[in-house]
PDB file of all heavy atoms in Angstrom:
ATOM      1  N   TRP A   1     -15.329  -1.056  -9.712  1.00  0.00           N
ATOM      2  CA  TRP A   1     -16.471  -1.131  -8.809  1.00  0.00           C
ATOM      3  C   TRP A   1     -17.657  -0.332  -9.340  1.00  0.00           C
ATOM      4  O   TRP A   1     -18.804  -0.773  -9.263  1.00  0.00           O
ATOM      5  CB  TRP A   1     -16.064  -0.644  -7.423  1.00  0.00           C
ATOM      6  CG  TRP A   1     -17.151  -0.726  -6.406  1.00  0.00           C
ATOM      7  CD1 TRP A   1     -17.777  -1.851  -5.949  1.00  0.00           C
ATOM      8  CD2 TRP A   1     -17.756   0.370  -5.746  1.00  0.00           C
ATOM      9  NE1 TRP A   1     -18.728  -1.513  -5.027  1.00  0.00           N
ATOM     10  CE2 TRP A   1     -18.735  -0.146  -4.875  1.00  0.00           C
ATOM     11  CE3 TRP A   1     -17.563   1.745  -5.784  1.00  0.00           C
ATOM     12  CZ2 TRP A   1     -19.514   0.660  -4.077  1.00  0.00           C
ATOM     13  CZ3 TRP A   1     -18.338   2.544  -4.975  1.00  0.00           C
ATOM     14  CH2 TRP A   1     -19.299   1.998  -4.140  1.00  0.00           C
ATOM     15  N   LEU A   2     -17.370   0.850  -9.894  1.00  0.00           N
ATOM     16  CA  LEU A   2     -18.455   1.693 -10.404  1.00  0.00           C
ATOM     17  C   LEU A   2     -19.023   1.189 -11.729  1.00  0.00           C
ATOM     18  O   LEU A   2     -20.197   1.393 -12.028  1.00  0.00           O
ATOM     19  CB  LEU A   2     -17.971   3.134 -10.558  1.00  0.00           C
ATOM     20  CG  LEU A   2     -17.665   3.878  -9.259  1.00  0.00           C
ATOM     21  CD1 LEU A   2     -17.060   5.241  -9.557  1.00  0.00           C
ATOM     22  CD2 LEU A   2     -18.911   4.011  -8.413  1.00  0.00           C
ATOM     23  N   GLU A   3     -18.197   0.562 -12.539  1.00  0.00           N
ATOM     24  CA  GLU A   3     -18.637   0.113 -13.861  1.00  0.00           C
ATOM     25  C   GLU A   3     -19.154  -1.326 -13.873  1.00  0.00           C
ATOM     26  O   GLU A   3     -19.690  -1.774 -14.885  1.00  0.00           O
ATOM     27  CB  GLU A   3     -17.488   0.234 -14.866  1.00  0.00           C
ATOM     28  CG  GLU A   3     -17.065   1.654 -15.152  1.00  0.00           C
ATOM     29  CD  GLU A   3     -18.134   2.464 -15.856  1.00  0.00           C
ATOM     30  OE1 GLU A   3     -18.895   1.904 -16.656  1.00  0.00           O
ATOM     31  OE2 GLU A   3     -18.204   3.676 -15.590  1.00  0.00           O
ATOM     32  N   TRP A   4     -18.992  -2.053 -12.773  1.00  0.00           N
ATOM     33  CA  TRP A   4     -19.354  -3.465 -12.763  1.00  0.00           C
ATOM     34  C   TRP A   4     -20.826  -3.716 -13.132  1.00  0.00           C
ATOM     35  O   TRP A   4     -21.113  -4.621 -13.930  1.00  0.00           O
ATOM     36  CB  TRP A   4     -19.027  -4.080 -11.401  1.00  0.00           C
ATOM     37  CG  TRP A   4     -19.071  -5.560 -11.445  1.00  0.00           C
ATOM     38  CD1 TRP A   4     -20.056  -6.375 -10.974  1.00  0.00           C
ATOM     39  CD2 TRP A   4     -18.105  -6.420 -12.045  1.00  0.00           C
ATOM     40  NE1 TRP A   4     -19.756  -7.685 -11.218  1.00  0.00           N
ATOM     41  CE2 TRP A   4     -18.559  -7.736 -11.870  1.00  0.00           C
ATOM     42  CE3 TRP A   4     -16.897  -6.203 -12.700  1.00  0.00           C
ATOM     43  CZ2 TRP A   4     -17.843  -8.835 -12.335  1.00  0.00           C
ATOM     44  CZ3 TRP A   4     -16.187  -7.295 -13.158  1.00  0.00           C
ATOM     45  CH2 TRP A   4     -16.661  -8.590 -12.976  1.00  0.00           C
ATOM     46  N   PRO A   5     -21.789  -2.948 -12.591  1.00  0.00           N
ATOM     47  CA  PRO A   5     -23.188  -3.200 -12.999  1.00  0.00           C
ATOM     48  C   PRO A   5     -23.427  -2.962 -14.490  1.00  0.00           C
ATOM     49  O   PRO A   5     -24.256  -3.644 -15.107  1.00  0.00           O
ATOM     50  CB  PRO A   5     -23.992  -2.200 -12.168  1.00  0.00           C
ATOM     51  CG  PRO A   5     -23.126  -1.856 -11.019  1.00  0.00           C
ATOM     52  CD  PRO A   5     -21.715  -1.970 -11.520  1.00  0.00           C
ATOM     53  N   LYS A   6     -22.709  -2.029 -15.087  1.00  0.00           N
ATOM     54  CA  LYS A   6     -22.887  -1.740 -16.511  1.00  0.00           C
ATOM     55  C   LYS A   6     -22.229  -2.796 -17.398  1.00  0.00           C
ATOM     56  O   LYS A   6     -22.611  -2.963 -18.553  1.00  0.00           O
ATOM     57  CB  LYS A   6     -22.297  -0.372 -16.837  1.00  0.00           C
ATOM     58  CG  LYS A   6     -22.987   0.761 -16.134  1.00  0.00           C
ATOM     59  CD  LYS A   6     -22.284   2.069 -16.427  1.00  0.00           C
ATOM     60  CE  LYS A   6     -22.846   3.184 -15.592  1.00  0.00           C
ATOM     61  NZ  LYS A   6     -22.100   4.425 -15.757  1.00  0.00           N
ATOM     62  N   LEU A   7     -21.223  -3.489 -16.864  1.00  0.00           N
ATOM     63  CA  LEU A   7     -20.505  -4.475 -17.666  1.00  0.00           C
ATOM     64  C   LEU A   7     -21.402  -5.628 -18.115  1.00  0.00           C
ATOM     65  O   LEU A   7     -21.167  -6.213 -19.162  1.00  0.00           O
ATOM     66  CB  LEU A   7     -19.323  -5.047 -16.874  1.00  0.00           C
ATOM     67  CG  LEU A   7     -18.091  -4.172 -16.763  1.00  0.00           C
ATOM     68  CD1 LEU A   7     -17.069  -4.816 -15.852  1.00  0.00           C
ATOM     69  CD2 LEU A   7     -17.474  -3.926 -18.118  1.00  0.00           C
ATOM     70  N   LYS A   8     -22.399  -5.936 -17.338  1.00  0.00           N
ATOM     71  CA  LYS A   8     -23.282  -7.051 -17.695  1.00  0.00           C
ATOM     72  C   LYS A   8     -24.076  -6.762 -18.956  1.00  0.00           C
ATOM     73  O   LYS A   8     -24.437  -7.674 -19.687  1.00  0.00           O
ATOM     74  CB  LYS A   8     -24.216  -7.342 -16.527  1.00  0.00           C
ATOM     75  CG  LYS A   8     -23.484  -7.836 -15.309  1.00  0.00           C
ATOM     76  CD  LYS A   8     -24.411  -8.012 -14.142  1.00  0.00           C
ATOM     77  CE  LYS A   8     -23.594  -8.412 -12.913  1.00  0.00           C
ATOM     78  NZ  LYS A   8     -24.412  -8.487 -11.709  1.00  0.00           N
ATOM     79  N   LYS A   9     -24.312  -5.484 -19.239  1.00  0.00           N
ATOM     80  CA  LYS A   9     -25.090  -5.091 -20.412  1.00  0.00           C
ATOM     81  C   LYS A   9     -24.220  -4.937 -21.659  1.00  0.00           C
ATOM     82  O   LYS A   9     -24.733  -4.918 -22.758  1.00  0.00           O
ATOM     83  CB  LYS A   9     -25.811  -3.772 -20.143  1.00  0.00           C
ATOM     84  CG  LYS A   9     -26.769  -3.826 -18.995  1.00  0.00           C
ATOM     85  CD  LYS A   9     -27.336  -2.461 -18.692  1.00  0.00           C
ATOM     86  CE  LYS A   9     -28.156  -2.476 -17.413  1.00  0.00           C
ATOM     87  NZ  LYS A   9     -28.572  -1.147 -17.006  1.00  0.00           N
ATOM     88  N   TRP A  10     -22.912  -4.788 -21.464  1.00  0.00           N
ATOM     89  CA  TRP A  10     -22.005  -4.547 -22.586  1.00  0.00           C
ATOM     90  C   TRP A  10     -21.770  -5.827 -23.377  1.00  0.00           C
ATOM     91  O   TRP A  10     -21.865  -6.937 -22.875  1.00  0.00           O
ATOM     92  CB  TRP A  10     -20.665  -4.035 -22.092  1.00  0.00           C
ATOM     93  CG  TRP A  10     -20.702  -2.658 -21.516  1.00  0.00           C
ATOM     94  CD1 TRP A  10     -21.758  -1.818 -21.442  1.00  0.00           C
ATOM     95  CD2 TRP A  10     -19.613  -1.962 -20.919  1.00  0.00           C
ATOM     96  NE1 TRP A  10     -21.403  -0.643 -20.843  1.00  0.00           N
ATOM     97  CE2 TRP A  10     -20.105  -0.695 -20.510  1.00  0.00           C
ATOM     98  CE3 TRP A  10     -18.292  -2.271 -20.684  1.00  0.00           C
ATOM     99  CZ2 TRP A  10     -19.294   0.235 -19.892  1.00  0.00           C
ATOM    100  CZ3 TRP A  10     -17.490  -1.338 -20.068  1.00  0.00           C
ATOM    101  CH2 TRP A  10     -17.987  -0.093 -19.671  1.00  0.00           C
ATOM    102  N   GLY A  11     -21.391  -5.630 -24.642  1.00  0.00           N
ATOM    103  CA  GLY A  11     -21.037  -6.759 -25.486  1.00  0.00           C
ATOM    104  C   GLY A  11     -19.603  -7.190 -25.240  1.00  0.00           C
ATOM    105  O   GLY A  11     -18.869  -6.602 -24.440  1.00  0.00           O
ATOM    106  N   VAL A  12     -19.207  -8.196 -25.956  1.00  0.00           N
ATOM    107  CA  VAL A  12     -17.863  -8.756 -25.784  1.00  0.00           C
ATOM    108  C   VAL A  12     -16.790  -7.753 -26.206  1.00  0.00           C
ATOM    109  O   VAL A  12     -15.768  -7.605 -25.529  1.00  0.00           O
ATOM    110  CB  VAL A  12     -17.728 -10.066 -26.591  1.00  0.00           C
ATOM    111  CG1 VAL A  12     -16.324 -10.618 -26.498  1.00  0.00           C
ATOM    112  CG2 VAL A  12     -18.738 -11.090 -26.106  1.00  0.00           C
ATOM    113  N   LYS A  13     -17.017  -7.036 -27.289  1.00  0.00           N
ATOM    114  CA  LYS A  13     -16.028  -6.078 -27.784  1.00  0.00           C
ATOM    115  C   LYS A  13     -15.826  -4.933 -26.798  1.00  0.00           C
ATOM    116  O   LYS A  13     -14.696  -4.509 -26.561  1.00  0.00           O
ATOM    117  CB  LYS A  13     -16.440  -5.520 -29.144  1.00  0.00           C
ATOM    118  CG  LYS A  13     -16.385  -6.530 -30.251  1.00  0.00           C
ATOM    119  CD  LYS A  13     -16.795  -5.917 -31.562  1.00  0.00           C
ATOM    120  CE  LYS A  13     -16.784  -6.944 -32.663  1.00  0.00           C
ATOM    121  NZ  LYS A  13     -17.197  -6.380 -33.952  1.00  0.00           N
ATOM    122  N   GLU A  14     -16.920  -4.435 -26.239  1.00  0.00           N
ATOM    123  CA  GLU A  14     -16.812  -3.333 -25.281  1.00  0.00           C
ATOM    124  C   GLU A  14     -16.071  -3.770 -24.022  1.00  0.00           C
ATOM    125  O   GLU A  14     -15.250  -3.035 -23.482  1.00  0.00           O
ATOM    126  CB  GLU A  14     -18.202  -2.797 -24.904  1.00  0.00           C
ATOM    127  CG  GLU A  14     -18.879  -2.033 -26.010  1.00  0.00           C
ATOM    128  CD  GLU A  14     -19.646  -2.920 -26.963  1.00  0.00           C
ATOM    129  OE1 GLU A  14     -19.691  -4.147 -26.749  1.00  0.00           O
ATOM    130  OE2 GLU A  14     -20.197  -2.381 -27.936  1.00  0.00           O
ATOM    131  N   LYS A  15     -16.344  -4.982 -23.566  1.00  0.00           N
ATOM    132  CA  LYS A  15     -15.638  -5.507 -22.398  1.00  0.00           C
ATOM    133  C   LYS A  15     -14.150  -5.673 -22.693  1.00  0.00           C
ATOM    134  O   LYS A  15     -13.303  -5.372 -21.848  1.00  0.00           O
ATOM    135  CB  LYS A  15     -16.232  -6.849 -21.969  1.00  0.00           C
ATOM    136  CG  LYS A  15     -17.584  -6.740 -21.333  1.00  0.00           C
ATOM    137  CD  LYS A  15     -18.108  -8.114 -20.961  1.00  0.00           C
ATOM    138  CE  LYS A  15     -19.532  -8.044 -20.462  1.00  0.00           C
ATOM    139  NZ  LYS A  15     -20.079  -9.368 -20.155  1.00  0.00           N
ATOM    140  N   ALA A  16     -13.833  -6.159 -23.887  1.00  0.00           N
ATOM    141  CA  ALA A  16     -12.429  -6.356 -24.253  1.00  0.00           C
ATOM    142  C   ALA A  16     -11.688  -5.024 -24.290  1.00  0.00           C
ATOM    143  O   ALA A  16     -10.553  -4.925 -23.789  1.00  0.00           O
ATOM    144  CB  ALA A  16     -12.331  -7.061 -25.602  1.00  0.00           C
ATOM    145  N   VAL A  17     -12.303  -4.000 -24.851  1.00  0.00           N
ATOM    146  CA  VAL A  17     -11.676  -2.679 -24.899  1.00  0.00           C
ATOM    147  C   VAL A  17     -11.507  -2.120 -23.499  1.00  0.00           C
ATOM    148  O   VAL A  17     -10.447  -1.589 -23.151  1.00  0.00           O
ATOM    149  CB  VAL A  17     -12.503  -1.717 -25.778  1.00  0.00           C
ATOM    150  CG1 VAL A  17     -12.032  -0.293 -25.624  1.00  0.00           C
ATOM    151  CG2 VAL A  17     -12.449  -2.148 -27.225  1.00  0.00           C
ATOM    152  N   PHE A  18     -12.518  -2.247 -22.677  1.00  0.00           N
ATOM    153  CA  PHE A  18     -12.464  -1.732 -21.307  1.00  0.00           C
ATOM    154  C   PHE A  18     -11.323  -2.373 -20.526  1.00  0.00           C
ATOM    155  O   PHE A  18     -10.502  -1.690 -19.911  1.00  0.00           O
ATOM    156  CB  PHE A  18     -13.810  -1.988 -20.623  1.00  0.00           C
ATOM    157  CG  PHE A  18     -13.869  -1.540 -19.200  1.00  0.00           C
ATOM    158  CD1 PHE A  18     -13.930  -0.197 -18.887  1.00  0.00           C
ATOM    159  CD2 PHE A  18     -13.887  -2.459 -18.173  1.00  0.00           C
ATOM    160  CE1 PHE A  18     -14.004   0.234 -17.588  1.00  0.00           C
ATOM    161  CE2 PHE A  18     -13.960  -2.049 -16.862  1.00  0.00           C
ATOM    162  CZ  PHE A  18     -14.016  -0.702 -16.557  1.00  0.00           C
ATOM    163  N   PHE A  19     -11.248  -3.704 -20.558  1.00  0.00           N
ATOM    164  CA  PHE A  19     -10.216  -4.391 -19.787  1.00  0.00           C
ATOM    165  C   PHE A  19      -8.828  -4.217 -20.396  1.00  0.00           C
ATOM    166  O   PHE A  19      -7.831  -4.183 -19.676  1.00  0.00           O
ATOM    167  CB  PHE A  19     -10.558  -5.870 -19.621  1.00  0.00           C
ATOM    168  CG  PHE A  19     -11.648  -6.095 -18.616  1.00  0.00           C
ATOM    169  CD1 PHE A  19     -12.877  -6.563 -19.008  1.00  0.00           C
ATOM    170  CD2 PHE A  19     -11.457  -5.799 -17.279  1.00  0.00           C
ATOM    171  CE1 PHE A  19     -13.892  -6.757 -18.088  1.00  0.00           C
ATOM    172  CE2 PHE A  19     -12.455  -5.982 -16.347  1.00  0.00           C
ATOM    173  CZ  PHE A  19     -13.677  -6.466 -16.753  1.00  0.00           C
ATOM    174  N   SER A  20      -8.744  -4.078 -21.714  1.00  0.00           N
ATOM    175  CA  SER A  20      -7.423  -3.849 -22.311  1.00  0.00           C
ATOM    176  C   SER A  20      -6.900  -2.462 -21.956  1.00  0.00           C
ATOM    177  O   SER A  20      -5.703  -2.285 -21.719  1.00  0.00           O
ATOM    178  CB  SER A  20      -7.464  -4.047 -23.820  1.00  0.00           C
ATOM    179  OG  SER A  20      -8.328  -3.109 -24.416  1.00  0.00           O
ATOM    180  N   LEU A  21      -7.783  -1.460 -21.892  1.00  0.00           N
ATOM    181  CA  LEU A  21      -7.351  -0.131 -21.463  1.00  0.00           C
ATOM    182  C   LEU A  21      -6.885  -0.140 -20.011  1.00  0.00           C
ATOM    183  O   LEU A  21      -5.875   0.481 -19.664  1.00  0.00           O
ATOM    184  CB  LEU A  21      -8.469   0.884 -21.659  1.00  0.00           C
ATOM    185  CG  LEU A  21      -8.748   1.304 -23.086  1.00  0.00           C
ATOM    186  CD1 LEU A  21      -9.976   2.196 -23.131  1.00  0.00           C
ATOM    187  CD2 LEU A  21      -7.550   2.007 -23.683  1.00  0.00           C
ATOM    188  N   LEU A  22      -7.598  -0.854 -19.169  1.00  0.00           N
ATOM    189  CA  LEU A  22      -7.161  -0.962 -17.777  1.00  0.00           C
ATOM    190  C   LEU A  22      -5.826  -1.708 -17.680  1.00  0.00           C
ATOM    191  O   LEU A  22      -4.974  -1.359 -16.855  1.00  0.00           O
ATOM    192  CB  LEU A  22      -8.222  -1.664 -16.935  1.00  0.00           C
ATOM    193  CG  LEU A  22      -9.474  -0.856 -16.631  1.00  0.00           C
ATOM    194  CD1 LEU A  22     -10.444  -1.683 -15.793  1.00  0.00           C
ATOM    195  CD2 LEU A  22      -9.141   0.436 -15.918  1.00  0.00           C
ATOM    196  N   ALA A  23      -5.641  -2.713 -18.515  1.00  0.00           N
ATOM    197  CA  ALA A  23      -4.372  -3.445 -18.509  1.00  0.00           C
ATOM    198  C   ALA A  23      -3.217  -2.552 -18.966  1.00  0.00           C
ATOM    199  O   ALA A  23      -2.118  -2.607 -18.408  1.00  0.00           O
ATOM    200  CB  ALA A  23      -4.478  -4.681 -19.399  1.00  0.00           C
ATOM    201  N   VAL A  24      -3.463  -1.728 -19.975  1.00  0.00           N
ATOM    202  CA  VAL A  24      -2.420  -0.797 -20.440  1.00  0.00           C
ATOM    203  C   VAL A  24      -2.055   0.185 -19.340  1.00  0.00           C
ATOM    204  O   VAL A  24      -0.876   0.497 -19.125  1.00  0.00           O
ATOM    205  CB  VAL A  24      -2.895  -0.064 -21.717  1.00  0.00           C
ATOM    206  CG1 VAL A  24      -2.010   1.117 -22.051  1.00  0.00           C
ATOM    207  CG2 VAL A  24      -2.949  -1.032 -22.879  1.00  0.00           C
ATOM    208  N   ILE A  25      -3.047   0.655 -18.601  1.00  0.00           N
ATOM    209  CA  ILE A  25      -2.772   1.559 -17.486  1.00  0.00           C
ATOM    210  C   ILE A  25      -1.912   0.862 -16.444  1.00  0.00           C
ATOM    211  O   ILE A  25      -0.960   1.453 -15.918  1.00  0.00           O
ATOM    212  CB  ILE A  25      -4.092   2.059 -16.873  1.00  0.00           C
ATOM    213  CG1 ILE A  25      -4.806   2.983 -17.846  1.00  0.00           C
ATOM    214  CG2 ILE A  25      -3.844   2.775 -15.553  1.00  0.00           C
ATOM    215  CD1 ILE A  25      -6.207   3.340 -17.437  1.00  0.00           C
ATOM    216  N   CYS A  26      -2.224  -0.393 -16.148  1.00  0.00           N
ATOM    217  CA  CYS A  26      -1.420  -1.147 -15.173  1.00  0.00           C
ATOM    218  C   CYS A  26       0.018  -1.342 -15.662  1.00  0.00           C
ATOM    219  O   CYS A  26       0.962  -1.238 -14.877  1.00  0.00           O
ATOM    220  CB  CYS A  26      -2.056  -2.494 -14.897  1.00  0.00           C
ATOM    221  SG  CYS A  26      -3.573  -2.399 -13.961  1.00  0.00           S
TER     222      CYS A  26
END
């Protein structure tokens, strides 16, 4: 929720790293 506005500015690689880290946590 806090990072969603910033995600629109990020590139594909940054988004992939962000979501993969969250997936590893899950």
